[in-house]
Amino acid sequence: MKRLAISLTFFLVLALVIGYLVSGPTFMDWSVTAGLFAVAVAGEGFRFWLRRSRAKKRQSTGI
């Protein structure tokens, strides 16, 4: 869980910086920032789902 929080914080800061650089100093381009962060959240969710599904396959069903 700690890795997820660190990863999402890193991608949030990165999305904010890219949104600022794309828009310039006049105002923040929130659509770019939100889009990039949404891609990061989706990627982390997919990574979590993939790890969980692999762990379920390793469980034995027999006694």
N, C-alpha and C. Protein backbone atom coordinates (compact mmCIF):
# COMPACT_ATOMS: atom_id res chain seq x y z
N MET A 1 0.82 -1.18 0.00
CA MET A 1 0.00 0.00 0.00
C MET A 1 0.87 1.26 0.00
N LYS A 2 2.01 1.18 0.67
CA LYS A 2 2.92 2.32 0.72
C LYS A 2 3.48 2.62 -0.67
N ARG A 3 3.77 1.56 -1.43
CA ARG A 3 4.29 1.73 -2.78
C ARG A 3 3.26 2.42 -3.67
N LEU A 4 1.99 2.06 -3.50
CA LEU A 4 0.91 2.66 -4.28
C LEU A 4 0.80 4.15 -3.98
N ALA A 5 0.87 4.52 -2.71
CA ALA A 5 0.78 5.93 -2.33
C ALA A 5 1.96 6.73 -2.87
N ILE A 6 3.15 6.17 -2.80
CA ILE A 6 4.33 6.86 -3.31
C ILE A 6 4.25 7.01 -4.82
N SER A 7 3.83 5.96 -5.49
CA SER A 7 3.72 5.99 -6.94
C SER A 7 2.68 7.01 -7.41
N LEU A 8 1.50 7.01 -6.78
CA LEU A 8 0.46 7.95 -7.18
C LEU A 8 0.83 9.40 -6.84
N THR A 9 1.54 9.60 -5.74
CA THR A 9 2.02 10.95 -5.41
C THR A 9 3.02 11.44 -6.45
N PHE A 10 3.93 10.56 -6.85
CA PHE A 10 4.90 10.92 -7.87
C PHE A 10 4.21 11.28 -9.18
N PHE A 11 3.24 10.46 -9.60
CA PHE A 11 2.56 10.74 -10.86
C PHE A 11 1.66 11.98 -10.76
N LEU A 12 1.13 12.27 -9.58
CA LEU A 12 0.35 13.50 -9.41
C LEU A 12 1.23 14.73 -9.58
N VAL A 13 2.39 14.71 -8.95
CA VAL A 13 3.32 15.84 -9.10
C VAL A 13 3.77 15.96 -10.54
N LEU A 14 4.08 14.85 -11.18
CA LEU A 14 4.50 14.87 -12.57
C LEU A 14 3.40 15.42 -13.47
N ALA A 15 2.16 15.01 -13.24
CA ALA A 15 1.03 15.51 -14.04
C ALA A 15 0.83 17.00 -13.83
N LEU A 16 1.00 17.47 -12.59
CA LEU A 16 0.86 18.89 -12.32
C LEU A 16 1.94 19.71 -13.03
N VAL A 17 3.16 19.21 -13.01
CA VAL A 17 4.26 19.91 -13.68
C VAL A 17 4.03 19.94 -15.19
N ILE A 18 3.64 18.82 -15.77
CA ILE A 18 3.40 18.77 -17.21
C ILE A 18 2.21 19.66 -17.59
N GLY A 19 1.17 19.66 -16.78
CA GLY A 19 0.03 20.54 -17.03
C GLY A 19 0.41 22.00 -16.99
N TYR A 20 1.30 22.36 -16.07
CA TYR A 20 1.77 23.74 -15.99
C TYR A 20 2.65 24.10 -17.19
N LEU A 21 3.53 23.17 -17.56
CA LEU A 21 4.43 23.45 -18.69
C LEU A 21 3.68 23.56 -20.01
N VAL A 22 2.63 22.77 -20.18
CA VAL A 22 1.85 22.81 -21.41
C VAL A 22 1.05 24.11 -21.50
N SER A 23 0.51 24.55 -20.38
CA SER A 23 -0.37 25.72 -20.41
C SER A 23 0.38 27.04 -20.34
N GLY A 24 1.54 27.05 -19.76
CA GLY A 24 2.26 28.30 -19.57
C GLY A 24 1.88 28.95 -18.26
N PRO A 25 2.41 30.11 -17.99
CA PRO A 25 2.20 30.75 -16.68
C PRO A 25 0.82 31.40 -16.52
N THR A 26 0.00 31.46 -17.57
CA THR A 26 -1.28 32.15 -17.45
C THR A 26 -2.26 31.41 -16.57
N PHE A 27 -2.50 30.12 -16.83
CA PHE A 27 -3.38 29.33 -15.97
C PHE A 27 -3.08 27.86 -16.19
N MET A 28 -3.45 27.05 -15.24
CA MET A 28 -3.16 25.61 -15.29
C MET A 28 -4.11 24.92 -16.25
N ASP A 29 -3.57 24.04 -17.08
CA ASP A 29 -4.40 23.25 -17.99
C ASP A 29 -4.85 21.99 -17.25
N TRP A 30 -6.00 22.08 -16.60
CA TRP A 30 -6.47 21.01 -15.73
C TRP A 30 -6.89 19.78 -16.50
N SER A 31 -7.31 19.94 -17.73
CA SER A 31 -7.72 18.76 -18.50
C SER A 31 -6.53 17.86 -18.80
N VAL A 32 -5.40 18.45 -19.14
CA VAL A 32 -4.18 17.67 -19.39
C VAL A 32 -3.72 17.01 -18.10
N THR A 33 -3.74 17.77 -17.02
CA THR A 33 -3.30 17.23 -15.73
C THR A 33 -4.19 16.08 -15.28
N ALA A 34 -5.48 16.26 -15.37
CA ALA A 34 -6.42 15.20 -14.95
C ALA A 34 -6.31 13.98 -15.86
N GLY A 35 -6.13 14.20 -17.15
CA GLY A 35 -5.98 13.08 -18.07
C GLY A 35 -4.74 12.25 -17.79
N LEU A 36 -3.63 12.92 -17.56
CA LEU A 36 -2.39 12.20 -17.25
C LEU A 36 -2.50 11.44 -15.93
N PHE A 37 -3.11 12.08 -14.94
CA PHE A 37 -3.26 11.40 -13.65
C PHE A 37 -4.23 10.23 -13.75
N ALA A 38 -5.26 10.35 -14.57
CA ALA A 38 -6.20 9.24 -14.78
C ALA A 38 -5.50 8.05 -15.43
N VAL A 39 -4.60 8.32 -16.36
CA VAL A 39 -3.84 7.23 -16.98
C VAL A 39 -2.95 6.55 -15.93
N ALA A 40 -2.34 7.34 -15.05
CA ALA A 40 -1.50 6.77 -14.00
C ALA A 40 -2.31 5.92 -13.03
N VAL A 41 -3.49 6.39 -12.65
CA VAL A 41 -4.36 5.63 -11.73
C VAL A 41 -4.81 4.34 -12.40
N ALA A 42 -5.18 4.42 -13.68
CA ALA A 42 -5.61 3.22 -14.40
C ALA A 42 -4.45 2.21 -14.50
N GLY A 43 -3.26 2.69 -14.75
CA GLY A 43 -2.09 1.81 -14.83
C GLY A 43 -1.79 1.14 -13.51
N GLU A 44 -1.88 1.90 -12.43
CA GLU A 44 -1.64 1.31 -11.11
C GLU A 44 -2.74 0.32 -10.74
N GLY A 45 -3.96 0.63 -11.12
CA GLY A 45 -5.06 -0.31 -10.87
C GLY A 45 -4.88 -1.60 -11.64
N PHE A 46 -4.45 -1.49 -12.89
CA PHE A 46 -4.18 -2.68 -13.70
C PHE A 46 -3.05 -3.50 -13.12
N ARG A 47 -1.99 -2.83 -12.65
CA ARG A 47 -0.87 -3.54 -12.04
C ARG A 47 -1.31 -4.27 -10.78
N PHE A 48 -2.16 -3.62 -9.97
CA PHE A 48 -2.68 -4.25 -8.76
C PHE A 48 -3.55 -5.45 -9.10
N TRP A 49 -4.43 -5.31 -10.10
CA TRP A 49 -5.31 -6.40 -10.52
C TRP A 49 -4.49 -7.57 -11.07
N LEU A 50 -3.46 -7.26 -11.85
CA LEU A 50 -2.63 -8.30 -12.42
C LEU A 50 -1.88 -9.07 -11.34
N ARG A 51 -1.34 -8.37 -10.37
CA ARG A 51 -0.64 -9.03 -9.27
C ARG A 51 -1.60 -9.90 -8.46
N ARG A 52 -2.80 -9.40 -8.23
CA ARG A 52 -3.78 -10.15 -7.44
C ARG A 52 -4.25 -11.40 -8.18
N SER A 53 -4.47 -11.29 -9.50
CA SER A 53 -4.92 -12.45 -10.25
C SER A 53 -3.82 -13.51 -10.34
N ARG A 54 -2.58 -13.09 -10.41
CA ARG A 54 -1.47 -14.07 -10.41
C ARG A 54 -1.37 -14.77 -9.07
N ALA A 55 -1.60 -14.03 -7.98
CA ALA A 55 -1.55 -14.64 -6.64
C ALA A 55 -2.68 -15.65 -6.47
N LYS A 56 -3.85 -15.37 -7.04
CA LYS A 56 -4.96 -16.31 -6.92
C LYS A 56 -4.67 -17.60 -7.67
N LYS A 57 -3.98 -17.52 -8.79
CA LYS A 57 -3.66 -18.72 -9.57
C LYS A 57 -2.67 -19.62 -8.83
N ARG A 58 -1.86 -19.05 -7.98
CA ARG A 58 -0.87 -19.86 -7.24
C ARG A 58 -1.47 -20.58 -6.05
N GLN A 59 -2.65 -20.18 -5.61
CA GLN A 59 -3.27 -20.85 -4.46
C GLN A 59 -3.67 -22.26 -4.85
N SER A 60 -3.45 -23.20 -3.95
CA SER A 60 -3.86 -24.57 -4.25
C SER A 60 -5.31 -24.77 -3.86
N THR A 61 -6.03 -25.52 -4.68
CA THR A 61 -7.43 -25.79 -4.37
C THR A 61 -7.60 -27.12 -3.66
N GLY A 62 -6.58 -27.95 -3.68
CA GLY A 62 -6.67 -29.25 -3.03
C GLY A 62 -6.25 -29.20 -1.58
N ILE A 63 -6.52 -30.26 -0.88
CA ILE A 63 -6.16 -30.33 0.55
C ILE A 63 -4.80 -30.97 0.69
